[in-house]
Amino acid sequence: PGTKISEVKNFSTHLGGSAANTCVALSQLGVQSDLLTCVSEDAIGEYIFEKLKEFNVGSNFCRRVENKFQTQVAVVETILKNNQSILYRNNSCDLQLNKNDIDNINFQDYSAVFISGTTLSSNRWTSASSGSRSTWRCRGRARCRSWATCWTGCSSSN
């Protein structure tokens, strides 16, 4: 099954990335989830907001950034052996996540926080998260938040 990229006749689009995938899975299990990330202000960003709505994933913590920063895109082969994944992350908008984005969250509203994604590898994230760690105290409520990037980034809450 599947096709090599060089032989493809058409493409399909899907929301993805570890954080977004986690948010969607939690939502499908009945756990309210929210995404924390930055999304480009363009057609792909609109697509992401529509998919999050369709999957019942909150987007209140998704910040739109000017389209000089781009939402990451992955092209993935669906063949089982020797498949390729090609990632386009130039000037990635998820790396615009900053301390203010984190400080807008009331962690007391959440029972868990899940942090995932390539945003974590940036120096910007290290300084943003270290200044906010003291607020990462969560209550024992049926909510979960996950952060990341994904083909957009993500934070999940319930």
N, C-alpha and C. Protein backbone atom coordinates (compact mmCIF):
# COMPACT_ATOMS: atom_id res chain seq x y z
N PRO A 1 0.82 -1.20 0.00
CA PRO A 1 0.00 0.00 0.00
C PRO A 1 0.86 1.26 0.00
N GLY A 2 0.29 2.34 -0.48
CA GLY A 2 1.01 3.61 -0.45
C GLY A 2 1.75 3.92 -1.73
N THR A 3 2.36 5.10 -1.75
CA THR A 3 3.04 5.60 -2.95
C THR A 3 4.28 6.37 -2.57
N LYS A 4 5.32 6.27 -3.38
CA LYS A 4 6.51 7.09 -3.23
C LYS A 4 6.16 8.53 -3.64
N ILE A 5 6.79 9.50 -3.02
CA ILE A 5 6.51 10.91 -3.34
C ILE A 5 6.72 11.19 -4.82
N SER A 6 7.76 10.63 -5.39
CA SER A 6 8.06 10.89 -6.80
C SER A 6 7.00 10.32 -7.75
N GLU A 7 6.14 9.44 -7.25
CA GLU A 7 5.12 8.81 -8.09
C GLU A 7 3.69 9.23 -7.72
N VAL A 8 3.55 10.16 -6.80
CA VAL A 8 2.23 10.51 -6.29
C VAL A 8 1.37 11.22 -7.34
N LYS A 9 0.08 10.95 -7.30
CA LYS A 9 -0.89 11.59 -8.21
C LYS A 9 -1.66 12.70 -7.49
N ASN A 10 -1.79 12.61 -6.16
CA ASN A 10 -2.47 13.64 -5.39
C ASN A 10 -2.01 13.58 -3.94
N PHE A 11 -2.31 14.63 -3.20
CA PHE A 11 -1.94 14.75 -1.80
C PHE A 11 -3.19 14.92 -0.96
N SER A 12 -3.11 14.51 0.28
CA SER A 12 -4.19 14.80 1.22
C SER A 12 -3.59 15.58 2.39
N THR A 13 -4.42 16.36 3.06
CA THR A 13 -3.94 17.17 4.18
C THR A 13 -4.51 16.64 5.49
N HIS A 14 -3.69 16.75 6.53
CA HIS A 14 -4.10 16.29 7.85
C HIS A 14 -3.41 17.16 8.89
N LEU A 15 -4.09 17.40 9.99
CA LEU A 15 -3.47 18.04 11.14
C LEU A 15 -2.50 17.03 11.74
N GLY A 16 -1.36 17.49 12.24
CA GLY A 16 -0.42 16.52 12.78
C GLY A 16 0.56 17.13 13.74
N GLY A 17 1.54 16.33 14.11
CA GLY A 17 2.55 16.69 15.09
C GLY A 17 2.17 16.09 16.43
N SER A 18 3.15 15.82 17.24
CA SER A 18 2.89 15.10 18.50
C SER A 18 1.90 15.82 19.39
N ALA A 19 2.01 17.11 19.52
CA ALA A 19 1.12 17.85 20.41
C ALA A 19 -0.31 17.87 19.89
N ALA A 20 -0.49 18.20 18.63
CA ALA A 20 -1.84 18.22 18.05
C ALA A 20 -2.45 16.83 18.07
N ASN A 21 -1.64 15.82 17.75
CA ASN A 21 -2.15 14.45 17.78
C ASN A 21 -2.61 14.07 19.18
N THR A 22 -1.86 14.49 20.20
CA THR A 22 -2.22 14.20 21.58
C THR A 22 -3.52 14.90 21.93
N CYS A 23 -3.65 16.17 21.54
CA CYS A 23 -4.88 16.92 21.81
C CYS A 23 -6.09 16.24 21.18
N VAL A 24 -5.95 15.83 19.94
CA VAL A 24 -7.05 15.17 19.23
C VAL A 24 -7.40 13.85 19.91
N ALA A 25 -6.38 13.05 20.26
CA ALA A 25 -6.64 11.76 20.92
C ALA A 25 -7.35 11.97 22.26
N LEU A 26 -6.90 12.95 23.03
CA LEU A 26 -7.56 13.24 24.31
C LEU A 26 -9.02 13.65 24.08
N SER A 27 -9.24 14.48 23.10
CA SER A 27 -10.59 14.93 22.79
C SER A 27 -11.47 13.74 22.40
N GLN A 28 -10.94 12.82 21.61
CA GLN A 28 -11.71 11.66 21.21
C GLN A 28 -12.02 10.73 22.38
N LEU A 29 -11.22 10.82 23.45
CA LEU A 29 -11.46 10.04 24.66
C LEU A 29 -12.36 10.79 25.64
N GLY A 30 -12.84 11.96 25.24
CA GLY A 30 -13.75 12.72 26.07
C GLY A 30 -13.09 13.72 27.00
N VAL A 31 -11.78 13.94 26.84
CA VAL A 31 -11.06 14.91 27.65
C VAL A 31 -10.99 16.21 26.85
N GLN A 32 -11.51 17.28 27.40
CA GLN A 32 -11.45 18.57 26.71
C GLN A 32 -9.99 18.95 26.55
N SER A 33 -9.60 19.39 25.37
CA SER A 33 -8.20 19.74 25.15
C SER A 33 -8.09 21.08 24.44
N ASP A 34 -6.99 21.78 24.71
CA ASP A 34 -6.69 23.06 24.09
C ASP A 34 -5.28 23.00 23.52
N LEU A 35 -5.06 23.74 22.48
CA LEU A 35 -3.76 23.78 21.83
C LEU A 35 -3.06 25.09 22.16
N LEU A 36 -1.80 25.02 22.54
CA LEU A 36 -0.97 26.22 22.74
C LEU A 36 0.10 26.21 21.68
N THR A 37 0.08 27.21 20.81
CA THR A 37 1.06 27.29 19.74
C THR A 37 0.92 28.63 19.03
N CYS A 38 1.76 28.84 18.07
CA CYS A 38 1.62 29.96 17.14
C CYS A 38 1.32 29.39 15.77
N VAL A 39 0.39 30.03 15.09
CA VAL A 39 -0.06 29.57 13.78
C VAL A 39 0.06 30.73 12.80
N SER A 40 0.51 30.43 11.59
CA SER A 40 0.67 31.49 10.59
C SER A 40 -0.68 32.05 10.16
N GLU A 41 -0.67 33.34 9.86
CA GLU A 41 -1.89 34.04 9.45
C GLU A 41 -2.04 33.92 7.93
N ASP A 42 -2.42 32.70 7.52
CA ASP A 42 -2.58 32.41 6.10
C ASP A 42 -3.56 31.25 5.94
N ALA A 43 -3.69 30.73 4.75
CA ALA A 43 -4.66 29.66 4.48
C ALA A 43 -4.36 28.40 5.29
N ILE A 44 -3.10 28.07 5.50
CA ILE A 44 -2.77 26.88 6.30
C ILE A 44 -3.16 27.11 7.75
N GLY A 45 -2.93 28.31 8.25
CA GLY A 45 -3.37 28.63 9.60
C GLY A 45 -4.87 28.49 9.75
N GLU A 46 -5.62 28.98 8.76
CA GLU A 46 -7.08 28.84 8.78
C GLU A 46 -7.49 27.37 8.77
N TYR A 47 -6.80 26.58 7.97
CA TYR A 47 -7.07 25.14 7.90
C TYR A 47 -6.88 24.52 9.29
N ILE A 48 -5.81 24.90 9.97
CA ILE A 48 -5.54 24.36 11.31
C ILE A 48 -6.66 24.71 12.27
N PHE A 49 -7.09 25.97 12.28
CA PHE A 49 -8.19 26.37 13.17
C PHE A 49 -9.47 25.60 12.86
N GLU A 50 -9.76 25.38 11.59
CA GLU A 50 -10.96 24.62 11.21
C GLU A 50 -10.86 23.17 11.67
N LYS A 51 -9.69 22.55 11.50
CA LYS A 51 -9.51 21.15 11.93
C LYS A 51 -9.59 21.04 13.45
N LEU A 52 -9.01 21.98 14.18
CA LEU A 52 -9.09 21.95 15.64
C LEU A 52 -10.55 22.02 16.08
N LYS A 53 -11.32 22.88 15.43
CA LYS A 53 -12.74 23.01 15.74
C LYS A 53 -13.46 21.70 15.44
N GLU A 54 -13.16 21.11 14.29
CA GLU A 54 -13.78 19.84 13.89
C GLU A 54 -13.48 18.73 14.91
N PHE A 55 -12.26 18.71 15.45
CA PHE A 55 -11.86 17.69 16.41
C PHE A 55 -12.19 18.08 17.86
N ASN A 56 -12.87 19.21 18.03
CA ASN A 56 -13.25 19.70 19.36
C ASN A 56 -12.03 19.95 20.25
N VAL A 57 -10.99 20.52 19.66
CA VAL A 57 -9.79 20.92 20.39
C VAL A 57 -9.81 22.44 20.50
N GLY A 58 -9.69 22.95 21.72
CA GLY A 58 -9.73 24.40 21.92
C GLY A 58 -8.53 25.10 21.30
N SER A 59 -8.78 26.28 20.78
CA SER A 59 -7.71 27.04 20.13
C SER A 59 -7.53 28.43 20.74
N ASN A 60 -8.08 28.64 21.94
CA ASN A 60 -7.96 29.95 22.59
C ASN A 60 -6.52 30.36 22.85
N PHE A 61 -5.62 29.40 22.97
CA PHE A 61 -4.21 29.70 23.24
C PHE A 61 -3.35 29.57 21.97
N CYS A 62 -3.98 29.52 20.82
CA CYS A 62 -3.27 29.53 19.54
C CYS A 62 -3.17 30.98 19.09
N ARG A 63 -1.96 31.46 18.98
CA ARG A 63 -1.76 32.86 18.58
C ARG A 63 -1.39 32.92 17.10
N ARG A 64 -2.08 33.77 16.37
CA ARG A 64 -1.76 33.98 14.95
C ARG A 64 -0.54 34.90 14.87
N VAL A 65 0.38 34.55 14.01
CA VAL A 65 1.56 35.38 13.79
C VAL A 65 1.63 35.75 12.31
N GLU A 66 2.25 36.89 12.04
CA GLU A 66 2.31 37.36 10.66
C GLU A 66 2.88 36.26 9.77
N ASN A 67 2.45 36.25 8.51
CA ASN A 67 2.79 35.14 7.64
C ASN A 67 4.22 35.13 7.12
N LYS A 68 5.07 36.01 7.63
CA LYS A 68 6.50 35.84 7.32
C LYS A 68 7.03 34.63 8.10
N PHE A 69 6.29 34.23 9.15
CA PHE A 69 6.57 32.99 9.87
C PHE A 69 5.59 31.95 9.35
N GLN A 70 6.08 30.78 9.04
CA GLN A 70 5.24 29.79 8.39
C GLN A 70 4.93 28.59 9.28
N THR A 71 3.73 28.08 9.10
CA THR A 71 3.35 26.84 9.76
C THR A 71 4.15 25.71 9.12
N GLN A 72 4.67 24.82 9.96
CA GLN A 72 5.45 23.71 9.45
C GLN A 72 4.58 22.79 8.62
N VAL A 73 5.17 22.19 7.61
CA VAL A 73 4.47 21.24 6.76
C VAL A 73 5.34 20.01 6.63
N ALA A 74 4.71 18.85 6.68
CA ALA A 74 5.42 17.58 6.48
C ALA A 74 4.79 16.86 5.30
N VAL A 75 5.63 16.30 4.45
CA VAL A 75 5.16 15.44 3.37
C VAL A 75 5.64 14.04 3.75
N VAL A 76 4.70 13.12 3.90
CA VAL A 76 5.01 11.79 4.40
C VAL A 76 4.54 10.74 3.41
N GLU A 77 5.44 9.84 3.04
CA GLU A 77 5.06 8.73 2.17
C GLU A 77 4.26 7.71 2.97
N THR A 78 3.31 7.08 2.31
CA THR A 78 2.46 6.10 2.99
C THR A 78 2.88 4.67 2.73
N ILE A 79 4.02 4.48 2.07
CA ILE A 79 4.49 3.10 1.84
C ILE A 79 5.07 2.54 3.14
N LEU A 80 5.07 1.23 3.27
CA LEU A 80 5.49 0.61 4.52
C LEU A 80 7.01 0.50 4.65
N LYS A 81 7.72 0.24 3.56
CA LYS A 81 9.17 0.06 3.64
C LYS A 81 9.90 1.22 2.99
N ASN A 82 11.02 1.62 3.60
CA ASN A 82 11.87 2.69 3.06
C ASN A 82 11.09 3.98 2.78
N ASN A 83 10.18 4.34 3.68
CA ASN A 83 9.40 5.55 3.45
C ASN A 83 10.19 6.79 3.88
N GLN A 84 9.78 7.91 3.37
CA GLN A 84 10.43 9.19 3.67
C GLN A 84 9.43 10.16 4.30
N SER A 85 9.93 10.98 5.19
CA SER A 85 9.18 12.11 5.71
C SER A 85 10.02 13.34 5.43
N ILE A 86 9.45 14.31 4.76
CA ILE A 86 10.17 15.54 4.43
C ILE A 86 9.50 16.68 5.18
N LEU A 87 10.27 17.36 6.03
CA LEU A 87 9.73 18.42 6.87
C LEU A 87 10.17 19.78 6.35
N TYR A 88 9.24 20.70 6.24
CA TYR A 88 9.53 22.07 5.86
C TYR A 88 9.33 22.94 7.10
N ARG A 89 10.43 23.43 7.67
CA ARG A 89 10.37 24.20 8.92
C ARG A 89 11.10 25.52 8.81
N ASN A 90 11.25 26.07 7.65
CA ASN A 90 11.94 27.35 7.50
C ASN A 90 11.12 28.47 8.13
N ASN A 91 11.78 29.26 8.98
CA ASN A 91 11.13 30.41 9.62
C ASN A 91 9.81 29.99 10.29
N SER A 92 9.88 28.94 11.04
CA SER A 92 8.71 28.29 11.60
C SER A 92 7.99 29.14 12.65
N CYS A 93 6.68 29.26 12.50
CA CYS A 93 5.90 30.12 13.39
C CYS A 93 5.80 29.58 14.81
N ASP A 94 5.89 28.26 15.00
CA ASP A 94 5.79 27.73 16.37
C ASP A 94 6.94 28.20 17.24
N LEU A 95 8.05 28.57 16.63
CA LEU A 95 9.19 29.07 17.40
C LEU A 95 8.96 30.49 17.91
N GLN A 96 7.83 31.09 17.55
CA GLN A 96 7.48 32.42 18.05
C GLN A 96 6.76 32.36 19.40
N LEU A 97 6.47 31.15 19.87
CA LEU A 97 5.87 30.98 21.19
C LEU A 97 6.77 31.63 22.22
N ASN A 98 6.20 32.39 23.15
CA ASN A 98 7.04 33.11 24.12
C ASN A 98 6.43 33.10 25.52
N LYS A 99 7.10 33.74 26.44
CA LYS A 99 6.69 33.76 27.85
C LYS A 99 5.27 34.32 28.01
N ASN A 100 4.92 35.34 27.27
CA ASN A 100 3.57 35.91 27.37
C ASN A 100 2.50 34.88 27.01
N ASP A 101 2.79 34.04 26.01
CA ASP A 101 1.83 32.99 25.64
C ASP A 101 1.61 32.04 26.81
N ILE A 102 2.67 31.70 27.50
CA ILE A 102 2.59 30.78 28.63
C ILE A 102 1.92 31.46 29.82
N ASP A 103 2.26 32.71 30.05
CA ASP A 103 1.70 33.43 31.20
C ASP A 103 0.20 33.67 31.09
N ASN A 104 -0.37 33.55 29.90
CA ASN A 104 -1.81 33.72 29.70
C ASN A 104 -2.62 32.53 30.19
N ILE A 105 -1.95 31.48 30.60
CA ILE A 105 -2.64 30.25 31.01
C ILE A 105 -2.77 30.20 32.53
N ASN A 106 -3.96 29.91 33.01
CA ASN A 106 -4.17 29.68 34.44
C ASN A 106 -4.03 28.17 34.67
N PHE A 107 -2.87 27.75 35.11
CA PHE A 107 -2.59 26.33 35.28
C PHE A 107 -3.44 25.70 36.37
N GLN A 108 -4.03 26.50 37.24
CA GLN A 108 -4.92 25.96 38.27
C GLN A 108 -6.18 25.34 37.66
N ASP A 109 -6.46 25.69 36.42
CA ASP A 109 -7.63 25.14 35.74
C ASP A 109 -7.39 23.76 35.16
N TYR A 110 -6.17 23.25 35.26
CA TYR A 110 -5.80 22.00 34.60
C TYR A 110 -5.24 20.99 35.59
N SER A 111 -5.53 19.74 35.32
CA SER A 111 -5.02 18.67 36.18
C SER A 111 -3.69 18.13 35.67
N ALA A 112 -3.38 18.37 34.42
CA ALA A 112 -2.13 17.85 33.85
C ALA A 112 -1.66 18.75 32.72
N VAL A 113 -0.36 18.73 32.49
CA VAL A 113 0.25 19.47 31.38
C VAL A 113 1.14 18.50 30.63
N PHE A 114 0.99 18.46 29.33
CA PHE A 114 1.81 17.63 28.46
C PHE A 114 2.62 18.56 27.58
N ILE A 115 3.93 18.40 27.58
CA ILE A 115 4.80 19.28 26.80
C ILE A 115 5.54 18.44 25.78
N SER A 116 5.47 18.85 24.53
CA SER A 116 6.04 18.05 23.45
C SER A 116 6.37 18.95 22.28
N GLY A 117 7.35 18.56 21.48
CA GLY A 117 7.57 19.22 20.22
C GLY A 117 8.92 19.88 20.05
N THR A 118 9.21 20.28 18.83
CA THR A 118 10.50 20.87 18.49
C THR A 118 10.65 22.29 19.00
N THR A 119 9.56 22.95 19.37
CA THR A 119 9.66 24.28 19.96
C THR A 119 10.57 24.24 21.17
N LEU A 120 10.56 23.12 21.86
CA LEU A 120 11.34 22.99 23.09
C LEU A 120 12.83 23.08 22.85
N SER A 121 13.27 22.91 21.63
CA SER A 121 14.70 22.94 21.33
C SER A 121 15.25 24.34 21.15
N SER A 122 14.40 25.33 21.12
CA SER A 122 14.87 26.69 20.87
C SER A 122 15.28 27.39 22.16
N ASN A 123 16.26 28.28 22.08
CA ASN A 123 16.68 29.07 23.24
C ASN A 123 15.53 29.93 23.74
N ARG A 124 14.71 30.39 22.84
CA ARG A 124 13.57 31.23 23.19
C ARG A 124 12.63 30.49 24.14
N TRP A 125 12.39 29.21 23.88
CA TRP A 125 11.51 28.40 24.73
C TRP A 125 12.12 28.24 26.11
N THR A 126 13.42 27.96 26.19
CA THR A 126 14.08 27.74 27.47
C THR A 126 13.88 28.94 28.38
N SER A 127 14.09 30.13 27.87
CA SER A 127 13.94 31.31 28.72
C SER A 127 12.46 31.57 29.02
N ALA A 128 11.58 31.30 28.08
CA ALA A 128 10.15 31.54 28.32
C ALA A 128 9.61 30.59 29.37
N SER A 129 9.97 29.33 29.28
CA SER A 129 9.40 28.35 30.20
C SER A 129 10.01 28.44 31.59
N SER A 130 11.28 28.78 31.68
CA SER A 130 11.91 28.83 33.00
C SER A 130 11.31 29.95 33.85
N GLY A 131 10.90 31.02 33.23
CA GLY A 131 10.30 32.11 33.97
C GLY A 131 8.88 31.82 34.41
N SER A 132 8.26 30.79 33.83
CA SER A 132 6.87 30.50 34.13
C SER A 132 6.67 29.22 34.92
N ARG A 133 7.72 28.48 35.16
CA ARG A 133 7.57 27.18 35.80
C ARG A 133 6.81 27.22 37.12
N SER A 134 6.97 28.28 37.87
CA SER A 134 6.30 28.35 39.16
C SER A 134 4.78 28.33 39.00
N THR A 135 4.27 28.67 37.84
CA THR A 135 2.83 28.67 37.63
C THR A 135 2.33 27.32 37.12
N TRP A 136 3.21 26.36 36.96
CA TRP A 136 2.81 25.08 36.40
C TRP A 136 2.19 24.16 37.44
N ARG A 137 1.55 24.68 38.46
CA ARG A 137 0.88 23.86 39.45
C ARG A 137 -0.53 23.61 38.96
N CYS A 138 -0.88 22.36 38.84
CA CYS A 138 -2.19 22.01 38.31
C CYS A 138 -3.07 21.45 39.41
N ARG A 139 -4.36 21.65 39.28
CA ARG A 139 -5.33 21.11 40.23
C ARG A 139 -5.78 19.74 39.77
N GLY A 140 -6.34 18.98 40.69
CA GLY A 140 -6.86 17.65 40.36
C GLY A 140 -8.22 17.73 39.72
N ARG A 141 -8.30 18.29 38.55
CA ARG A 141 -9.56 18.39 37.82
C ARG A 141 -9.43 17.62 36.53
N ALA A 142 -10.51 17.37 35.88
CA ALA A 142 -10.50 16.56 34.66
C ALA A 142 -10.13 17.40 33.45
N ARG A 143 -8.97 18.03 33.53
CA ARG A 143 -8.49 18.81 32.39
C ARG A 143 -7.04 18.47 32.15
N CYS A 144 -6.64 18.53 30.94
CA CYS A 144 -5.24 18.28 30.61
C CYS A 144 -4.80 19.31 29.58
N ARG A 145 -3.59 19.80 29.71
CA ARG A 145 -3.06 20.74 28.73
C ARG A 145 -1.79 20.14 28.16
N SER A 146 -1.62 20.19 26.87
CA SER A 146 -0.36 19.77 26.29
C SER A 146 0.19 20.87 25.41
N TRP A 147 1.50 21.03 25.47
CA TRP A 147 2.16 22.03 24.65
C TRP A 147 3.00 21.33 23.64
N ALA A 148 3.25 22.02 22.62
CA ALA A 148 4.21 21.52 21.70
C ALA A 148 4.23 22.40 20.51
N THR A 149 4.72 21.82 19.53
CA THR A 149 4.57 22.38 18.23
C THR A 149 3.86 21.25 17.57
N CYS A 150 3.56 21.29 16.49
CA CYS A 150 3.04 20.16 15.80
C CYS A 150 3.20 20.63 14.42
N TRP A 151 2.52 20.06 13.54
CA TRP A 151 2.61 20.73 12.28
C TRP A 151 2.01 22.08 12.63
N THR A 152 1.80 22.21 13.87
CA THR A 152 1.46 23.43 14.59
C THR A 152 1.75 23.07 16.01
N GLY A 153 1.77 23.82 16.95
CA GLY A 153 2.13 23.43 18.29
C GLY A 153 0.91 23.07 19.06
N CYS A 154 1.04 22.71 20.33
CA CYS A 154 -0.20 22.34 20.99
C CYS A 154 -0.17 22.39 22.49
N SER A 155 -1.26 22.71 23.05
CA SER A 155 -1.48 22.63 24.47
C SER A 155 -2.86 22.09 24.67
N SER A 156 -3.00 21.13 25.53
CA SER A 156 -4.31 20.53 25.68
C SER A 156 -4.88 20.78 27.06
N SER A 157 -6.15 21.06 27.13
CA SER A 157 -6.77 21.31 28.42
C SER A 157 -8.12 20.66 28.50
N ASN A 158 -8.48 20.31 29.70
CA ASN A 158 -9.84 19.78 29.90
C ASN A 158 -10.37 20.25 31.23
